[in-house]
Amino acid sequence: MTSLGLNAVAALGANLLGVRNDPYMSFNFFVEIDGLIVGAFTEVSGLQVETQVHDYQEGGQNEFVHRLPGPTRYPSNLILKRGLTDIEALWSWYQEVVAGTIERKNGTVYLLDRMGVPAMWWDFKEAYPVKWSGPELRADGNTVAVETIELVHRGISKPSLSSALGAVRGVAGAVTGGISFG
């Protein structure tokens, strides 16, 4: 007997009720660091997790090579970009690093649904800034001045509650508003 996961049950229920489960838009997100929403960012990159693979050639076995899992790592830093404002929390945090005071902080990147409610999120742990870039200033331009902060961290995770919330949201949408009777 096979058991269905929560996502499979939600998808089955949505299909039976005729509800679409559209993908989330990537422009609707915010970042929180140590309980403080540090601003609306225009871009977040570096949400990556990678498991290294080691090849092992077994003697006498010529049809395939064993591919064994190795350590999991986080190959890139988190890169946060936002419009430059008078709020200097990120600049100050980086200046502390420059002065030799490393204060590691935990944070979360929230992806929001169309109503602005967190749909899923990724937690990063024990991060600190290793690079700050200021805006490109041009007399002939009319774009927003953007600052970039790069964070090194000790891991990214997607809590099970994050995934479960999305599945529950899909079923709730099907039950409350997704039913159409022609």
N, C-alpha and C. Protein backbone atom coordinates (compact mmCIF):
# COMPACT_ATOMS: atom_id res chain seq x y z
N MET A 1 0.85 -1.17 0.00
CA MET A 1 0.00 0.00 0.00
C MET A 1 0.90 1.24 0.00
N THR A 2 0.62 2.15 -0.91
CA THR A 2 1.40 3.38 -0.96
C THR A 2 0.66 4.50 -0.24
N SER A 3 1.44 5.39 0.33
CA SER A 3 0.82 6.53 1.00
C SER A 3 1.08 7.77 0.17
N LEU A 4 0.10 8.64 0.11
CA LEU A 4 0.23 9.88 -0.63
C LEU A 4 0.73 10.98 0.30
N GLY A 5 1.65 11.80 -0.19
CA GLY A 5 2.12 12.93 0.57
C GLY A 5 1.08 14.04 0.57
N LEU A 6 1.30 15.04 1.40
CA LEU A 6 0.38 16.17 1.52
C LEU A 6 0.25 16.92 0.20
N ASN A 7 1.35 17.10 -0.52
CA ASN A 7 1.28 17.79 -1.81
C ASN A 7 0.46 17.00 -2.83
N ALA A 8 0.62 15.68 -2.83
CA ALA A 8 -0.13 14.84 -3.76
C ALA A 8 -1.62 14.90 -3.46
N VAL A 9 -1.98 14.87 -2.19
CA VAL A 9 -3.39 14.96 -1.79
C VAL A 9 -3.97 16.31 -2.20
N ALA A 10 -3.21 17.39 -1.98
CA ALA A 10 -3.68 18.72 -2.36
C ALA A 10 -3.86 18.82 -3.87
N ALA A 11 -2.92 18.28 -4.63
CA ALA A 11 -3.03 18.33 -6.09
C ALA A 11 -4.23 17.52 -6.58
N LEU A 12 -4.44 16.36 -6.00
CA LEU A 12 -5.59 15.53 -6.37
C LEU A 12 -6.89 16.23 -6.05
N GLY A 13 -6.98 16.82 -4.86
CA GLY A 13 -8.20 17.55 -4.48
C GLY A 13 -8.45 18.73 -5.39
N ALA A 14 -7.40 19.45 -5.75
CA ALA A 14 -7.54 20.61 -6.63
C ALA A 14 -7.99 20.17 -8.02
N ASN A 15 -7.43 19.07 -8.52
CA ASN A 15 -7.83 18.57 -9.84
C ASN A 15 -9.28 18.13 -9.85
N LEU A 16 -9.71 17.45 -8.80
CA LEU A 16 -11.10 16.99 -8.74
C LEU A 16 -12.07 18.16 -8.66
N LEU A 17 -11.65 19.26 -8.04
CA LEU A 17 -12.52 20.42 -7.90
C LEU A 17 -12.34 21.43 -9.04
N GLY A 18 -11.44 21.12 -9.98
CA GLY A 18 -11.25 22.00 -11.13
C GLY A 18 -10.50 23.29 -10.80
N VAL A 19 -9.60 23.26 -9.83
CA VAL A 19 -8.86 24.45 -9.42
C VAL A 19 -7.47 24.41 -10.03
N ARG A 20 -7.02 25.54 -10.55
CA ARG A 20 -5.66 25.64 -11.09
C ARG A 20 -4.70 26.04 -9.97
N ASN A 21 -3.53 25.47 -10.05
CA ASN A 21 -2.48 25.82 -9.09
C ASN A 21 -1.37 26.52 -9.86
N ASP A 22 -1.54 27.82 -10.11
CA ASP A 22 -0.57 28.58 -10.90
C ASP A 22 0.72 28.80 -10.13
N PRO A 23 1.83 28.91 -10.86
CA PRO A 23 3.11 29.20 -10.20
C PRO A 23 3.11 30.59 -9.57
N TYR A 24 3.93 30.76 -8.56
CA TYR A 24 4.07 32.06 -7.91
C TYR A 24 4.94 32.97 -8.76
N MET A 25 4.70 34.26 -8.69
CA MET A 25 5.48 35.23 -9.42
C MET A 25 6.74 35.56 -8.62
N SER A 26 7.87 35.67 -9.30
CA SER A 26 9.15 35.84 -8.61
C SER A 26 9.40 37.27 -8.15
N PHE A 27 8.55 38.22 -8.50
CA PHE A 27 8.80 39.61 -8.12
C PHE A 27 8.17 39.98 -6.78
N ASN A 28 7.48 39.07 -6.14
CA ASN A 28 6.71 39.39 -4.94
C ASN A 28 7.36 38.70 -3.72
N PHE A 29 8.30 39.38 -3.06
CA PHE A 29 9.04 38.76 -1.96
C PHE A 29 9.56 39.84 -1.02
N PHE A 30 9.99 39.41 0.14
CA PHE A 30 10.72 40.30 1.06
C PHE A 30 11.69 39.49 1.88
N VAL A 31 12.63 40.20 2.53
CA VAL A 31 13.68 39.55 3.30
C VAL A 31 13.62 40.04 4.74
N GLU A 32 13.75 39.11 5.66
CA GLU A 32 13.77 39.41 7.10
C GLU A 32 15.10 38.90 7.65
N ILE A 33 15.77 39.72 8.45
CA ILE A 33 17.02 39.31 9.08
C ILE A 33 16.91 39.55 10.58
N ASP A 34 17.06 38.47 11.35
CA ASP A 34 16.94 38.51 12.81
C ASP A 34 15.67 39.22 13.28
N GLY A 35 14.55 38.87 12.66
CA GLY A 35 13.25 39.40 13.08
C GLY A 35 12.94 40.79 12.58
N LEU A 36 13.85 41.41 11.82
CA LEU A 36 13.63 42.75 11.32
C LEU A 36 13.49 42.70 9.80
N ILE A 37 12.38 43.23 9.28
CA ILE A 37 12.22 43.30 7.83
C ILE A 37 13.12 44.42 7.36
N VAL A 38 14.17 44.07 6.63
CA VAL A 38 15.20 45.04 6.28
C VAL A 38 14.94 45.73 4.95
N GLY A 39 13.80 45.53 4.38
CA GLY A 39 13.46 46.29 3.19
C GLY A 39 12.93 45.43 2.08
N ALA A 40 12.34 46.13 1.13
CA ALA A 40 11.86 45.48 -0.07
C ALA A 40 13.02 45.42 -1.05
N PHE A 41 13.44 44.25 -1.38
CA PHE A 41 14.57 44.08 -2.28
C PHE A 41 14.07 43.93 -3.71
N THR A 42 14.88 44.35 -4.65
CA THR A 42 14.53 44.20 -6.05
C THR A 42 15.03 42.88 -6.60
N GLU A 43 15.98 42.27 -5.90
CA GLU A 43 16.52 41.01 -6.38
C GLU A 43 17.16 40.25 -5.24
N VAL A 44 16.94 38.94 -5.21
CA VAL A 44 17.63 38.03 -4.31
C VAL A 44 18.14 36.88 -5.17
N SER A 45 19.44 36.62 -5.10
CA SER A 45 19.98 35.49 -5.83
C SER A 45 20.90 34.70 -4.90
N GLY A 46 21.21 33.49 -5.30
CA GLY A 46 22.09 32.65 -4.50
C GLY A 46 21.36 31.64 -3.63
N LEU A 47 20.05 31.48 -3.83
CA LEU A 47 19.32 30.44 -3.09
C LEU A 47 19.66 29.10 -3.75
N GLN A 48 20.79 28.53 -3.37
CA GLN A 48 21.28 27.30 -4.00
C GLN A 48 21.77 26.32 -2.96
N VAL A 49 21.46 25.06 -3.20
CA VAL A 49 21.98 23.96 -2.40
C VAL A 49 22.42 22.90 -3.40
N GLU A 50 23.59 22.32 -3.17
CA GLU A 50 24.14 21.37 -4.12
C GLU A 50 24.78 20.20 -3.38
N THR A 51 24.49 19.00 -3.81
CA THR A 51 25.13 17.81 -3.25
C THR A 51 26.17 17.32 -4.24
N GLN A 52 27.40 17.24 -3.81
CA GLN A 52 28.46 16.76 -4.69
C GLN A 52 28.28 15.27 -4.91
N VAL A 53 28.70 14.81 -6.07
CA VAL A 53 28.57 13.41 -6.44
C VAL A 53 29.96 12.86 -6.75
N HIS A 54 30.26 11.68 -6.22
CA HIS A 54 31.53 11.03 -6.47
C HIS A 54 31.28 9.80 -7.34
N ASP A 55 32.02 9.70 -8.43
CA ASP A 55 31.92 8.53 -9.30
C ASP A 55 32.78 7.41 -8.74
N TYR A 56 32.24 6.18 -8.80
CA TYR A 56 32.99 5.01 -8.35
C TYR A 56 32.84 3.93 -9.41
N GLN A 57 33.95 3.55 -10.02
CA GLN A 57 33.94 2.53 -11.05
C GLN A 57 34.18 1.18 -10.38
N GLU A 58 33.18 0.33 -10.43
CA GLU A 58 33.28 -1.00 -9.83
C GLU A 58 33.97 -1.94 -10.81
N GLY A 59 34.95 -2.67 -10.33
CA GLY A 59 35.66 -3.62 -11.19
C GLY A 59 34.72 -4.67 -11.76
N GLY A 60 34.85 -4.93 -13.05
CA GLY A 60 33.99 -5.91 -13.72
C GLY A 60 32.63 -5.39 -14.12
N GLN A 61 32.29 -4.19 -13.71
CA GLN A 61 30.99 -3.58 -14.05
C GLN A 61 31.25 -2.50 -15.11
N ASN A 62 30.94 -2.81 -16.38
CA ASN A 62 31.24 -1.89 -17.47
C ASN A 62 30.00 -1.15 -17.99
N GLU A 63 28.83 -1.48 -17.48
CA GLU A 63 27.60 -0.87 -18.00
C GLU A 63 27.28 0.48 -17.36
N PHE A 64 27.79 0.72 -16.17
CA PHE A 64 27.52 1.99 -15.51
C PHE A 64 28.58 2.28 -14.47
N VAL A 65 28.59 3.50 -14.04
CA VAL A 65 29.48 3.96 -12.97
C VAL A 65 28.59 4.32 -11.78
N HIS A 66 28.94 3.84 -10.61
CA HIS A 66 28.19 4.20 -9.40
C HIS A 66 28.37 5.70 -9.15
N ARG A 67 27.31 6.38 -8.83
CA ARG A 67 27.35 7.81 -8.50
C ARG A 67 26.92 7.95 -7.06
N LEU A 68 27.87 8.16 -6.17
CA LEU A 68 27.62 8.19 -4.73
C LEU A 68 27.51 9.62 -4.23
N PRO A 69 26.54 9.88 -3.34
CA PRO A 69 26.40 11.25 -2.82
C PRO A 69 27.55 11.60 -1.89
N GLY A 70 28.00 12.84 -2.03
CA GLY A 70 29.05 13.37 -1.17
C GLY A 70 28.46 14.45 -0.28
N PRO A 71 29.30 15.39 0.14
CA PRO A 71 28.81 16.44 1.03
C PRO A 71 27.89 17.43 0.30
N THR A 72 26.99 17.99 1.05
CA THR A 72 26.11 19.03 0.53
C THR A 72 26.74 20.37 0.87
N ARG A 73 26.69 21.30 -0.09
CA ARG A 73 27.28 22.61 0.14
C ARG A 73 26.38 23.68 -0.44
N TYR A 74 26.73 24.90 -0.16
CA TYR A 74 25.99 26.07 -0.62
C TYR A 74 26.95 26.85 -1.50
N PRO A 75 26.90 26.64 -2.83
CA PRO A 75 27.96 27.11 -3.72
C PRO A 75 28.06 28.61 -3.92
N SER A 76 27.04 29.36 -3.56
CA SER A 76 27.16 30.80 -3.76
C SER A 76 26.62 31.56 -2.56
N ASN A 77 27.10 32.78 -2.42
CA ASN A 77 26.62 33.65 -1.37
C ASN A 77 25.23 34.17 -1.73
N LEU A 78 24.48 34.59 -0.73
CA LEU A 78 23.21 35.27 -0.98
C LEU A 78 23.51 36.69 -1.41
N ILE A 79 22.91 37.12 -2.48
CA ILE A 79 23.11 38.48 -2.98
C ILE A 79 21.77 39.19 -2.95
N LEU A 80 21.72 40.28 -2.18
CA LEU A 80 20.49 41.05 -2.00
C LEU A 80 20.69 42.42 -2.64
N LYS A 81 19.74 42.81 -3.50
CA LYS A 81 19.81 44.13 -4.15
C LYS A 81 18.53 44.89 -3.81
N ARG A 82 18.69 46.19 -3.55
CA ARG A 82 17.53 47.02 -3.26
C ARG A 82 17.84 48.47 -3.58
N GLY A 83 16.78 49.24 -3.70
CA GLY A 83 16.92 50.67 -3.90
C GLY A 83 17.55 51.30 -2.67
N LEU A 84 18.49 52.19 -2.90
CA LEU A 84 19.21 52.85 -1.81
C LEU A 84 18.28 53.83 -1.09
N THR A 85 18.22 53.72 0.24
CA THR A 85 17.38 54.60 1.06
C THR A 85 18.19 55.16 2.21
N ASP A 86 17.54 55.91 3.08
CA ASP A 86 18.20 56.46 4.27
C ASP A 86 18.38 55.41 5.36
N ILE A 87 17.74 54.26 5.23
CA ILE A 87 17.87 53.19 6.22
C ILE A 87 19.20 52.48 5.95
N GLU A 88 20.11 52.58 6.90
CA GLU A 88 21.47 52.09 6.67
C GLU A 88 21.82 50.85 7.47
N ALA A 89 20.84 50.00 7.76
CA ALA A 89 21.09 48.81 8.56
C ALA A 89 22.11 47.88 7.90
N LEU A 90 22.01 47.69 6.60
CA LEU A 90 22.93 46.78 5.90
C LEU A 90 24.34 47.37 5.83
N TRP A 91 24.43 48.67 5.53
CA TRP A 91 25.73 49.34 5.50
C TRP A 91 26.40 49.26 6.87
N SER A 92 25.65 49.53 7.93
CA SER A 92 26.20 49.50 9.29
C SER A 92 26.67 48.10 9.66
N TRP A 93 25.89 47.09 9.28
CA TRP A 93 26.27 45.70 9.57
C TRP A 93 27.59 45.37 8.87
N TYR A 94 27.72 45.78 7.61
CA TYR A 94 28.96 45.53 6.89
C TYR A 94 30.13 46.30 7.49
N GLN A 95 29.91 47.52 7.93
CA GLN A 95 30.98 48.31 8.54
C GLN A 95 31.48 47.66 9.83
N GLU A 96 30.61 46.98 10.55
CA GLU A 96 31.05 46.23 11.74
C GLU A 96 32.00 45.11 11.33
N VAL A 97 31.70 44.44 10.20
CA VAL A 97 32.58 43.38 9.70
C VAL A 97 33.93 43.98 9.33
N VAL A 98 33.92 45.11 8.64
CA VAL A 98 35.17 45.79 8.26
C VAL A 98 36.01 46.10 9.51
N ALA A 99 35.35 46.48 10.59
CA ALA A 99 36.04 46.81 11.84
C ALA A 99 36.46 45.57 12.63
N GLY A 100 36.11 44.38 12.14
CA GLY A 100 36.52 43.15 12.79
C GLY A 100 35.49 42.52 13.71
N THR A 101 34.31 43.08 13.77
CA THR A 101 33.24 42.52 14.60
C THR A 101 32.29 41.74 13.71
N ILE A 102 32.35 40.43 13.78
CA ILE A 102 31.49 39.58 12.97
C ILE A 102 30.27 39.20 13.79
N GLU A 103 29.12 39.68 13.37
CA GLU A 103 27.87 39.32 14.02
C GLU A 103 27.04 38.51 13.03
N ARG A 104 26.97 37.21 13.27
CA ARG A 104 26.20 36.33 12.40
C ARG A 104 24.71 36.47 12.71
N LYS A 105 23.92 36.50 11.65
CA LYS A 105 22.47 36.66 11.82
C LYS A 105 21.73 35.65 10.97
N ASN A 106 20.59 35.22 11.47
CA ASN A 106 19.71 34.33 10.72
C ASN A 106 18.68 35.17 9.98
N GLY A 107 18.16 34.64 8.90
CA GLY A 107 17.17 35.38 8.14
C GLY A 107 16.29 34.47 7.32
N THR A 108 15.35 35.09 6.64
CA THR A 108 14.38 34.36 5.83
C THR A 108 14.06 35.17 4.58
N VAL A 109 13.95 34.47 3.46
CA VAL A 109 13.46 35.05 2.21
C VAL A 109 12.05 34.51 2.02
N TYR A 110 11.06 35.41 2.00
CA TYR A 110 9.65 35.03 1.86
C TYR A 110 9.19 35.29 0.43
N LEU A 111 8.59 34.29 -0.19
CA LEU A 111 7.92 34.46 -1.47
C LEU A 111 6.44 34.64 -1.17
N LEU A 112 5.85 35.69 -1.69
CA LEU A 112 4.46 36.03 -1.37
C LEU A 112 3.51 35.59 -2.48
N ASP A 113 2.27 35.33 -2.10
CA ASP A 113 1.25 35.03 -3.09
C ASP A 113 0.67 36.33 -3.64
N ARG A 114 -0.35 36.23 -4.45
CA ARG A 114 -0.94 37.42 -5.08
C ARG A 114 -1.57 38.39 -4.09
N MET A 115 -1.90 37.89 -2.91
CA MET A 115 -2.52 38.74 -1.89
C MET A 115 -1.48 39.30 -0.92
N GLY A 116 -0.20 39.02 -1.16
CA GLY A 116 0.86 39.53 -0.30
C GLY A 116 1.09 38.72 0.96
N VAL A 117 0.60 37.49 0.99
CA VAL A 117 0.75 36.59 2.13
C VAL A 117 1.88 35.61 1.82
N PRO A 118 2.78 35.33 2.79
CA PRO A 118 3.86 34.37 2.52
C PRO A 118 3.31 33.02 2.04
N ALA A 119 3.78 32.61 0.86
CA ALA A 119 3.37 31.33 0.29
C ALA A 119 4.38 30.24 0.62
N MET A 120 5.64 30.61 0.63
CA MET A 120 6.73 29.70 1.03
C MET A 120 7.93 30.55 1.37
N TRP A 121 8.90 29.93 2.02
CA TRP A 121 10.08 30.69 2.44
C TRP A 121 11.27 29.79 2.61
N TRP A 122 12.44 30.44 2.60
CA TRP A 122 13.72 29.77 2.79
C TRP A 122 14.46 30.48 3.91
N ASP A 123 14.94 29.70 4.86
CA ASP A 123 15.70 30.25 5.97
C ASP A 123 17.19 30.13 5.66
N PHE A 124 17.95 31.16 5.98
CA PHE A 124 19.40 31.06 5.91
C PHE A 124 19.93 31.30 7.32
N LYS A 125 21.04 30.64 7.65
CA LYS A 125 21.50 30.73 9.03
C LYS A 125 22.94 31.23 9.12
N GLU A 126 23.18 31.94 10.20
CA GLU A 126 24.50 32.43 10.59
C GLU A 126 25.20 33.16 9.45
N ALA A 127 24.50 34.14 8.89
CA ALA A 127 25.05 34.92 7.78
C ALA A 127 25.72 36.19 8.28
N TYR A 128 26.66 36.68 7.49
CA TYR A 128 27.24 38.00 7.72
C TYR A 128 27.69 38.56 6.37
N PRO A 129 27.72 39.87 6.23
CA PRO A 129 28.06 40.47 4.94
C PRO A 129 29.56 40.40 4.64
N VAL A 130 29.87 40.10 3.38
CA VAL A 130 31.26 40.04 2.94
C VAL A 130 31.54 41.00 1.80
N LYS A 131 30.49 41.63 1.28
CA LYS A 131 30.69 42.59 0.20
C LYS A 131 29.50 43.53 0.15
N TRP A 132 29.78 44.81 -0.04
CA TRP A 132 28.74 45.82 -0.25
C TRP A 132 29.10 46.58 -1.52
N SER A 133 28.13 46.80 -2.38
CA SER A 133 28.34 47.59 -3.60
C SER A 133 27.32 48.70 -3.63
N GLY A 134 27.79 49.89 -3.89
CA GLY A 134 26.91 51.04 -4.00
C GLY A 134 26.35 51.19 -5.40
N PRO A 135 25.55 52.22 -5.60
CA PRO A 135 24.90 52.41 -6.89
C PRO A 135 25.88 52.90 -7.96
N GLU A 136 25.52 52.65 -9.21
CA GLU A 136 26.24 53.24 -10.33
C GLU A 136 25.59 54.59 -10.58
N LEU A 137 26.36 55.64 -10.44
CA LEU A 137 25.82 56.99 -10.57
C LEU A 137 26.16 57.53 -11.96
N ARG A 138 25.13 57.97 -12.67
CA ARG A 138 25.30 58.49 -14.02
C ARG A 138 24.46 59.74 -14.18
N ALA A 139 25.06 60.80 -14.66
CA ALA A 139 24.34 62.05 -14.85
C ALA A 139 23.27 61.94 -15.93
N ASP A 140 23.44 61.03 -16.89
CA ASP A 140 22.48 60.90 -17.98
C ASP A 140 21.41 59.83 -17.72
N GLY A 141 21.40 59.23 -16.53
CA GLY A 141 20.44 58.16 -16.23
C GLY A 141 19.29 58.65 -15.38
N ASN A 142 18.23 57.86 -15.36
CA ASN A 142 17.09 58.17 -14.51
C ASN A 142 16.58 56.91 -13.80
N THR A 143 17.51 56.01 -13.47
CA THR A 143 17.13 54.78 -12.79
C THR A 143 17.31 54.93 -11.28
N VAL A 144 16.74 54.01 -10.54
CA VAL A 144 16.85 54.00 -9.09
C VAL A 144 18.28 53.63 -8.68
N ALA A 145 18.81 54.31 -7.69
CA ALA A 145 20.13 53.98 -7.14
C ALA A 145 19.99 52.68 -6.34
N VAL A 146 20.82 51.68 -6.66
CA VAL A 146 20.70 50.35 -6.07
C VAL A 146 21.95 50.01 -5.28
N GLU A 147 21.74 49.46 -4.07
CA GLU A 147 22.86 48.93 -3.29
C GLU A 147 22.75 47.41 -3.28
N THR A 148 23.91 46.76 -3.21
CA THR A 148 23.98 45.31 -3.20
C THR A 148 24.78 44.87 -1.99
N ILE A 149 24.25 43.88 -1.28
CA ILE A 149 24.97 43.32 -0.14
C ILE A 149 25.09 41.81 -0.38
N GLU A 150 26.26 41.28 -0.14
CA GLU A 150 26.50 39.86 -0.35
C GLU A 150 26.75 39.20 1.00
N LEU A 151 26.00 38.14 1.28
CA LEU A 151 26.08 37.46 2.57
C LEU A 151 26.64 36.06 2.41
N VAL A 152 27.63 35.74 3.23
CA VAL A 152 28.07 34.36 3.35
C VAL A 152 27.23 33.74 4.46
N HIS A 153 26.95 32.45 4.37
CA HIS A 153 26.04 31.83 5.34
C HIS A 153 26.43 30.37 5.58
N ARG A 154 25.77 29.77 6.55
CA ARG A 154 26.05 28.37 6.90
C ARG A 154 24.88 27.46 6.56
N GLY A 155 24.15 27.79 5.55
CA GLY A 155 23.11 26.87 5.11
C GLY A 155 21.78 27.53 4.79
N ILE A 156 21.07 26.91 3.86
CA ILE A 156 19.73 27.33 3.46
C ILE A 156 18.82 26.14 3.65
N SER A 157 17.66 26.39 4.24
CA SER A 157 16.68 25.32 4.40
C SER A 157 15.30 25.85 4.03
N LYS A 158 14.44 24.95 3.65
CA LYS A 158 13.04 25.29 3.39
C LYS A 158 12.23 24.50 4.41
N PRO A 159 11.75 25.18 5.45
CA PRO A 159 11.05 24.47 6.52
C PRO A 159 9.84 23.70 6.00
N SER A 160 9.55 22.57 6.63
CA SER A 160 8.42 21.75 6.20
C SER A 160 7.11 22.53 6.30
N LEU A 161 7.00 23.46 7.24
CA LEU A 161 5.80 24.28 7.36
C LEU A 161 5.61 25.12 6.11
N SER A 162 6.70 25.56 5.49
CA SER A 162 6.63 26.35 4.26
C SER A 162 5.95 25.57 3.15
N SER A 163 6.36 24.32 2.95
CA SER A 163 5.76 23.49 1.91
C SER A 163 4.34 23.09 2.26
N ALA A 164 4.10 22.77 3.52
CA ALA A 164 2.76 22.36 3.96
C ALA A 164 1.77 23.50 3.80
N LEU A 165 2.21 24.72 4.09
CA LEU A 165 1.32 25.87 3.97
C LEU A 165 0.84 26.04 2.53
N GLY A 166 1.75 25.86 1.56
CA GLY A 166 1.37 25.96 0.16
C GLY A 166 0.34 24.92 -0.22
N ALA A 167 0.51 23.69 0.27
CA ALA A 167 -0.45 22.63 -0.04
C ALA A 167 -1.80 22.91 0.58
N VAL A 168 -1.80 23.36 1.83
CA VAL A 168 -3.05 23.69 2.52
C VAL A 168 -3.74 24.86 1.82
N ARG A 169 -2.95 25.84 1.40
CA ARG A 169 -3.50 27.01 0.71
C ARG A 169 -4.22 26.57 -0.56
N GLY A 170 -3.63 25.61 -1.31
CA GLY A 170 -4.26 25.12 -2.53
C GLY A 170 -5.59 24.44 -2.27
N VAL A 171 -5.65 23.61 -1.23
CA VAL A 171 -6.90 22.93 -0.88
C VAL A 171 -7.93 23.94 -0.37
N ALA A 172 -7.49 24.89 0.45
CA ALA A 172 -8.42 25.89 0.98
C ALA A 172 -9.00 26.73 -0.14
N GLY A 173 -8.15 27.09 -1.13
CA GLY A 173 -8.64 27.85 -2.27
C GLY A 173 -9.66 27.07 -3.05
N ALA A 174 -9.45 25.76 -3.15
CA ALA A 174 -10.39 24.92 -3.88
C ALA A 174 -11.73 24.86 -3.16
N VAL A 175 -11.68 24.77 -1.85
CA VAL A 175 -12.91 24.63 -1.07
C VAL A 175 -13.67 25.96 -0.99
N THR A 176 -12.96 27.07 -0.85
CA THR A 176 -13.64 28.35 -0.62
C THR A 176 -14.00 29.12 -1.87
N GLY A 177 -13.17 29.05 -2.88
CA GLY A 177 -13.48 29.93 -4.00
C GLY A 177 -13.23 29.35 -5.36
N GLY A 178 -12.71 28.16 -5.42
CA GLY A 178 -12.33 27.63 -6.72
C GLY A 178 -13.41 26.80 -7.39
N ILE A 179 -14.55 26.63 -6.77
CA ILE A 179 -15.59 25.77 -7.35
C ILE A 179 -16.50 26.62 -8.23
N SER A 180 -16.72 26.14 -9.44
CA SER A 180 -17.60 26.83 -10.36
C SER A 180 -18.67 25.85 -10.84
N PHE A 181 -19.90 26.28 -10.80
CA PHE A 181 -20.99 25.42 -11.23
C PHE A 181 -21.60 25.91 -12.52
N GLY A 182 -20.74 26.30 -13.48
CA GLY A 182 -21.15 26.67 -14.84
C GLY A 182 -22.09 27.77 -14.87
